[in-house]
């Protein structure tokens, strides 16, 4: 169940994204920072890029 204003998606009690776990790791964050000059500075677009990246990574990790 998706809670309004929350980055946590709960699926039958198991969290898609743990509340205490960041969307990206420190190493991934450094890569994003190194490429920041190529990205649009609009905060909404940056958040969308990181969210889509985090979702794609989570899906890839769950694939057999």
PDB file of N, CA and C in Angstrom:
ATOM      1  N   UNK A   1       0.843  -1.168   0.000  1.00  0.00           N
ATOM      2  CA  UNK A   1       0.000   0.000   0.000  1.00  0.00           C
ATOM      3  C   UNK A   1       0.892   1.236   0.000  1.00  0.00           C
ATOM      4  N   UNK A   2       0.621   2.159  -0.867  1.00  0.00           N
ATOM      5  CA  UNK A   2       1.414   3.385  -0.987  1.00  0.00           C
ATOM      6  C   UNK A   2       0.835   4.442  -0.066  1.00  0.00           C
ATOM      7  N   UNK A   3       1.666   4.937   0.835  1.00  0.00           N
ATOM      8  CA  UNK A   3       1.235   5.967   1.770  1.00  0.00           C
ATOM      9  C   UNK A   3       1.479   7.339   1.152  1.00  0.00           C
ATOM     10  N   UNK A   4       0.497   8.233   1.179  1.00  0.00           N
ATOM     11  CA  UNK A   4       0.692   9.573   0.632  1.00  0.00           C
ATOM     12  C   UNK A   4       1.878  10.276   1.300  1.00  0.00           C
ATOM     13  N   UNK A   5       2.732  10.846   0.492  1.00  0.00           N
ATOM     14  CA  UNK A   5       3.880  11.576   0.999  1.00  0.00           C
ATOM     15  C   UNK A   5       5.002  10.699   1.505  1.00  0.00           C
ATOM     16  N   UNK A   6       4.925   9.410   1.215  1.00  0.00           N
ATOM     17  CA  UNK A   6       5.929   8.485   1.722  1.00  0.00           C
ATOM     18  C   UNK A   6       6.682   7.841   0.578  1.00  0.00           C
ATOM     19  N   UNK A   7       7.972   7.565   0.793  1.00  0.00           N
ATOM     20  CA  UNK A   7       8.778   6.880  -0.213  1.00  0.00           C
ATOM     21  C   UNK A   7       8.782   5.384   0.034  1.00  0.00           C
ATOM     22  N   UNK A   8       7.935   4.933   0.931  1.00  0.00           N
ATOM     23  CA  UNK A   8       7.910   3.521   1.295  1.00  0.00           C
ATOM     24  C   UNK A   8       6.666   2.875   0.706  1.00  0.00           C
ATOM     25  N   UNK A   9       6.872   1.800  -0.016  1.00  0.00           N
ATOM     26  CA  UNK A   9       5.773   1.052  -0.608  1.00  0.00           C
ATOM     27  C   UNK A   9       5.684  -0.277   0.113  1.00  0.00           C
ATOM     28  N   UNK A  10       4.565  -0.545   0.750  1.00  0.00           N
ATOM     29  CA  UNK A  10       4.407  -1.780   1.497  1.00  0.00           C
ATOM     30  C   UNK A  10       3.596  -2.766   0.668  1.00  0.00           C
ATOM     31  N   UNK A  11       4.087  -3.977   0.556  1.00  0.00           N
ATOM     32  CA  UNK A  11       3.436  -5.025  -0.218  1.00  0.00           C
ATOM     33  C   UNK A  11       3.126  -6.181   0.723  1.00  0.00           C
ATOM     34  N   UNK A  12       1.931  -6.191   1.277  1.00  0.00           N
ATOM     35  CA  UNK A  12       1.545  -7.250   2.174  1.00  0.00           C
ATOM     36  C   UNK A  12       2.388  -7.320   3.431  1.00  0.00           C
ATOM     37  N   UNK A  13       2.829  -6.177   3.924  1.00  0.00           N
ATOM     38  CA  UNK A  13       3.616  -6.152   5.138  1.00  0.00           C
ATOM     39  C   UNK A  13       5.113  -6.139   4.899  1.00  0.00           C
ATOM     40  N   UNK A  14       5.556  -6.543   3.712  1.00  0.00           N
ATOM     41  CA  UNK A  14       6.989  -6.497   3.409  1.00  0.00           C
ATOM     42  C   UNK A  14       7.271  -5.226   2.640  1.00  0.00           C
ATOM     43  N   UNK A  15       8.267  -4.501   3.046  1.00  0.00           N
ATOM     44  CA  UNK A  15       8.565  -3.215   2.426  1.00  0.00           C
ATOM     45  C   UNK A  15       9.327  -3.352   1.126  1.00  0.00           C
ATOM     46  N   UNK A  16       8.887  -2.646   0.111  1.00  0.00           N
ATOM     47  CA  UNK A  16       9.655  -2.541  -1.131  1.00  0.00           C
ATOM     48  C   UNK A  16      10.930  -1.772  -0.842  1.00  0.00           C
ATOM     49  N   UNK A  17      10.777  -0.670  -0.171  1.00  0.00           N
ATOM     50  CA  UNK A  17      11.909   0.171   0.220  1.00  0.00           C
ATOM     51  C   UNK A  17      11.865   0.328   1.717  1.00  0.00           C
ATOM     52  N   UNK A  18      12.901  -0.119   2.384  1.00  0.00           N
ATOM     53  CA  UNK A  18      12.959  -0.009   3.838  1.00  0.00           C
ATOM     54  C   UNK A  18      13.102   1.459   4.221  1.00  0.00           C
ATOM     55  N   UNK A  19      12.367   1.922   5.236  1.00  0.00           N
ATOM     56  CA  UNK A  19      12.414   3.339   5.612  1.00  0.00           C
ATOM     57  C   UNK A  19      13.795   3.812   6.048  1.00  0.00           C
ATOM     58  N   UNK A  20      14.606   2.918   6.593  1.00  0.00           N
ATOM     59  CA  UNK A  20      15.928   3.326   7.060  1.00  0.00           C
ATOM     60  C   UNK A  20      17.019   3.094   6.022  1.00  0.00           C
ATOM     61  N   UNK A  21      16.646   2.606   4.849  1.00  0.00           N
ATOM     62  CA  UNK A  21      17.612   2.343   3.785  1.00  0.00           C
ATOM     63  C   UNK A  21      17.481   3.419   2.708  1.00  0.00           C
ATOM     64  N   UNK A  22      18.567   4.094   2.333  1.00  0.00           N
ATOM     65  CA  UNK A  22      18.472   5.142   1.302  1.00  0.00           C
ATOM     66  C   UNK A  22      18.122   4.551  -0.062  1.00  0.00           C
ATOM     67  N   UNK A  23      17.573   5.385  -0.944  1.00  0.00           N
ATOM     68  CA  UNK A  23      17.217   4.922  -2.283  1.00  0.00           C
ATOM     69  C   UNK A  23      18.448   4.506  -3.084  1.00  0.00           C
ATOM     70  N   UNK A  24      19.559   5.182  -2.879  1.00  0.00           N
ATOM     71  CA  UNK A  24      20.800   4.846  -3.581  1.00  0.00           C
ATOM     72  C   UNK A  24      21.932   4.740  -2.566  1.00  0.00           C
ATOM     73  N   UNK A  25      22.930   3.927  -2.893  1.00  0.00           N
ATOM     74  CA  UNK A  25      24.075   3.758  -1.999  1.00  0.00           C
ATOM     75  C   UNK A  25      24.999   4.974  -2.084  1.00  0.00           C
ATOM     76  N   UNK A  26      25.985   5.012  -1.208  1.00  0.00           N
ATOM     77  CA  UNK A  26      26.946   6.113  -1.214  1.00  0.00           C
ATOM     78  C   UNK A  26      27.734   6.124  -2.518  1.00  0.00           C
ATOM     79  N   UNK A  27      28.110   4.950  -3.011  1.00  0.00           N
ATOM     80  CA  UNK A  27      28.857   4.868  -4.273  1.00  0.00           C
ATOM     81  C   UNK A  27      28.002   5.355  -5.441  1.00  0.00           C
ATOM     82  N   UNK A  28      26.721   4.964  -5.460  1.00  0.00           N
ATOM     83  CA  UNK A  28      25.820   5.419  -6.524  1.00  0.00           C
ATOM     84  C   UNK A  28      25.610   6.923  -6.437  1.00  0.00           C
ATOM     85  N   UNK A  29      25.532   7.436  -5.228  1.00  0.00           N
ATOM     86  CA  UNK A  29      25.379   8.874  -5.036  1.00  0.00           C
ATOM     87  C   UNK A  29      26.578   9.631  -5.595  1.00  0.00           C
ATOM     88  N   UNK A  30      27.789   9.089  -5.389  1.00  0.00           N
ATOM     89  CA  UNK A  30      28.997   9.737  -5.925  1.00  0.00           C
ATOM     90  C   UNK A  30      28.972   9.740  -7.461  1.00  0.00           C
ATOM     91  N   UNK A  31      28.464   8.666  -8.069  1.00  0.00           N
ATOM     92  CA  UNK A  31      28.362   8.630  -9.536  1.00  0.00           C
ATOM     93  C   UNK A  31      27.378   9.698 -10.005  1.00  0.00           C
ATOM     94  N   UNK A  32      26.219   9.797  -9.345  1.00  0.00           N
ATOM     95  CA  UNK A  32      25.251  10.832  -9.708  1.00  0.00           C
ATOM     96  C   UNK A  32      25.866  12.227  -9.562  1.00  0.00           C
ATOM     97  N   UNK A  33      26.617  12.444  -8.485  1.00  0.00           N
ATOM     98  CA  UNK A  33      27.258  13.749  -8.282  1.00  0.00           C
ATOM     99  C   UNK A  33      28.285  14.044  -9.368  1.00  0.00           C
ATOM    100  N   UNK A  34      29.027  13.016  -9.809  1.00  0.00           N
ATOM    101  CA  UNK A  34      30.034  13.233 -10.854  1.00  0.00           C
ATOM    102  C   UNK A  34      29.386  13.552 -12.201  1.00  0.00           C
ATOM    103  N   UNK A  35      28.158  13.118 -12.396  1.00  0.00           N
ATOM    104  CA  UNK A  35      27.446  13.371 -13.654  1.00  0.00           C
ATOM    105  C   UNK A  35      26.450  14.533 -13.547  1.00  0.00           C
ATOM    106  N   UNK A  36      26.421  15.176 -12.392  1.00  0.00           N
ATOM    107  CA  UNK A  36      25.434  16.227 -12.135  1.00  0.00           C
ATOM    108  C   UNK A  36      25.489  17.357 -13.159  1.00  0.00           C
ATOM    109  N   UNK A  37      26.665  17.661 -13.667  1.00  0.00           N
ATOM    110  CA  UNK A  37      26.779  18.766 -14.629  1.00  0.00           C
ATOM    111  C   UNK A  37      26.065  18.436 -15.948  1.00  0.00           C
ATOM    112  N   UNK A  38      25.745  17.175 -16.182  1.00  0.00           N
ATOM    113  CA  UNK A  38      25.035  16.770 -17.400  1.00  0.00           C
ATOM    114  C   UNK A  38      23.520  16.758 -17.222  1.00  0.00           C
ATOM    115  N   UNK A  39      23.059  16.829 -15.969  1.00  0.00           N
ATOM    116  CA  UNK A  39      21.640  16.700 -15.673  1.00  0.00           C
ATOM    117  C   UNK A  39      20.954  18.054 -15.598  1.00  0.00           C
ATOM    118  N   UNK A  40      19.648  18.033 -15.823  1.00  0.00           N
ATOM    119  CA  UNK A  40      18.817  19.220 -15.686  1.00  0.00           C
ATOM    120  C   UNK A  40      18.766  19.595 -14.198  1.00  0.00           C
ATOM    121  N   UNK A  41      18.962  20.864 -13.838  1.00  0.00           N
ATOM    122  CA  UNK A  41      18.982  21.244 -12.428  1.00  0.00           C
ATOM    123  C   UNK A  41      17.599  21.287 -11.753  1.00  0.00           C
ATOM    124  N   UNK A  42      16.541  21.000 -12.488  1.00  0.00           N
ATOM    125  CA  UNK A  42      15.202  21.022 -11.926  1.00  0.00           C
ATOM    126  C   UNK A  42      15.076  19.914 -10.866  1.00  0.00           C
ATOM    127  N   UNK A  43      14.770  20.263  -9.596  1.00  0.00           N
ATOM    128  CA  UNK A  43      14.701  19.261  -8.524  1.00  0.00           C
ATOM    129  C   UNK A  43      13.696  18.140  -8.777  1.00  0.00           C
ATOM    130  N   UNK A  44      12.568  18.456  -9.390  1.00  0.00           N
ATOM    131  CA  UNK A  44      11.571  17.409  -9.669  1.00  0.00           C
ATOM    132  C   UNK A  44      12.104  16.405 -10.675  1.00  0.00           C
ATOM    133  N   UNK A  45      12.797  16.874 -11.683  1.00  0.00           N
ATOM    134  CA  UNK A  45      13.365  15.960 -12.683  1.00  0.00           C
ATOM    135  C   UNK A  45      14.482  15.113 -12.090  1.00  0.00           C
ATOM    136  N   UNK A  46      15.295  15.726 -11.218  1.00  0.00           N
ATOM    137  CA  UNK A  46      16.360  14.966 -10.554  1.00  0.00           C
ATOM    138  C   UNK A  46      15.771  13.881  -9.663  1.00  0.00           C
ATOM    139  N   UNK A  47      14.733  14.212  -8.923  1.00  0.00           N
ATOM    140  CA  UNK A  47      14.089  13.225  -8.055  1.00  0.00           C
ATOM    141  C   UNK A  47      13.512  12.093  -8.899  1.00  0.00           C
ATOM    142  N   UNK A  48      12.915  12.418 -10.040  1.00  0.00           N
ATOM    143  CA  UNK A  48      12.347  11.395 -10.919  1.00  0.00           C
ATOM    144  C   UNK A  48      13.440  10.474 -11.441  1.00  0.00           C
ATOM    145  N   UNK A  49      14.585  11.028 -11.838  1.00  0.00           N
ATOM    146  CA  UNK A  49      15.694  10.211 -12.342  1.00  0.00           C
ATOM    147  C   UNK A  49      16.170   9.244 -11.264  1.00  0.00           C
ATOM    148  N   UNK A  50      16.361   9.737 -10.055  1.00  0.00           N
ATOM    149  CA  UNK A  50      16.842   8.881  -8.966  1.00  0.00           C
ATOM    150  C   UNK A  50      15.793   7.837  -8.601  1.00  0.00           C
ATOM    151  N   UNK A  51      14.525   8.209  -8.576  1.00  0.00           N
ATOM    152  CA  UNK A  51      13.468   7.254  -8.243  1.00  0.00           C
ATOM    153  C   UNK A  51      13.358   6.155  -9.292  1.00  0.00           C
ATOM    154  N   UNK A  52      13.427   6.525 -10.553  1.00  0.00           N
ATOM    155  CA  UNK A  52      13.363   5.524 -11.624  1.00  0.00           C
ATOM    156  C   UNK A  52      14.585   4.612 -11.563  1.00  0.00           C
ATOM    157  N   UNK A  53      15.752   5.187 -11.299  1.00  0.00           N
ATOM    158  CA  UNK A  53      16.966   4.382 -11.153  1.00  0.00           C
ATOM    159  C   UNK A  53      16.822   3.391  -9.993  1.00  0.00           C
ATOM    160  N   UNK A  54      16.318   3.874  -8.849  1.00  0.00           N
ATOM    161  CA  UNK A  54      16.147   3.010  -7.680  1.00  0.00           C
ATOM    162  C   UNK A  54      15.144   1.894  -7.960  1.00  0.00           C
ATOM    163  N   UNK A  55      14.059   2.204  -8.651  1.00  0.00           N
ATOM    164  CA  UNK A  55      13.064   1.193  -8.999  1.00  0.00           C
ATOM    165  C   UNK A  55      13.652   0.154  -9.947  1.00  0.00           C
ATOM    166  N   UNK A  56      14.350   0.611 -10.976  1.00  0.00           N
ATOM    167  CA  UNK A  56      14.962  -0.325 -11.936  1.00  0.00           C
ATOM    168  C   UNK A  56      15.991  -1.212 -11.251  1.00  0.00           C
ATOM    169  N   UNK A  57      16.762  -0.658 -10.342  1.00  0.00           N
ATOM    170  CA  UNK A  57      17.754  -1.440  -9.605  1.00  0.00           C
ATOM    171  C   UNK A  57      17.077  -2.491  -8.733  1.00  0.00           C
ATOM    172  N   UNK A  58      16.013  -2.105  -8.049  1.00  0.00           N
ATOM    173  CA  UNK A  58      15.285  -3.041  -7.187  1.00  0.00           C
ATOM    174  C   UNK A  58      14.677  -4.170  -8.012  1.00  0.00           C
ATOM    175  N   UNK A  59      14.085  -3.843  -9.150  1.00  0.00           N
ATOM    176  CA  UNK A  59      13.507  -4.869 -10.025  1.00  0.00           C
ATOM    177  C   UNK A  59      14.594  -5.813 -10.522  1.00  0.00           C
ATOM    178  N   UNK A  60      15.719  -5.261 -10.948  1.00  0.00           N
ATOM    179  CA  UNK A  60      16.842  -6.087 -11.426  1.00  0.00           C
ATOM    180  C   UNK A  60      17.360  -7.004 -10.335  1.00  0.00           C
ATOM    181  N   UNK A  61      17.412  -6.520  -9.098  1.00  0.00           N
ATOM    182  CA  UNK A  61      17.890  -7.340  -7.984  1.00  0.00           C
ATOM    183  C   UNK A  61      16.935  -8.478  -7.652  1.00  0.00           C
ATOM    184  N   UNK A  62      15.650  -8.297  -7.940  1.00  0.00           N
ATOM    185  CA  UNK A  62      14.660  -9.323  -7.629  1.00  0.00           C
ATOM    186  C   UNK A  62      14.465 -10.322  -8.769  1.00  0.00           C
ATOM    187  N   UNK A  63      15.031 -10.048  -9.921  1.00  0.00           N
ATOM    188  CA  UNK A  63      14.893 -10.972 -11.066  1.00  0.00           C
ATOM    189  C   UNK A  63      15.791 -12.198 -10.825  1.00  0.00           C
ATOM    190  N   UNK A  64      15.305 -13.371 -11.223  1.00  0.00           N
ATOM    191  CA  UNK A  64      16.130 -14.590 -11.055  1.00  0.00           C
ATOM    192  C   UNK A  64      17.323 -14.611 -11.982  1.00  0.00           C
TER     193      UNK A  64
END
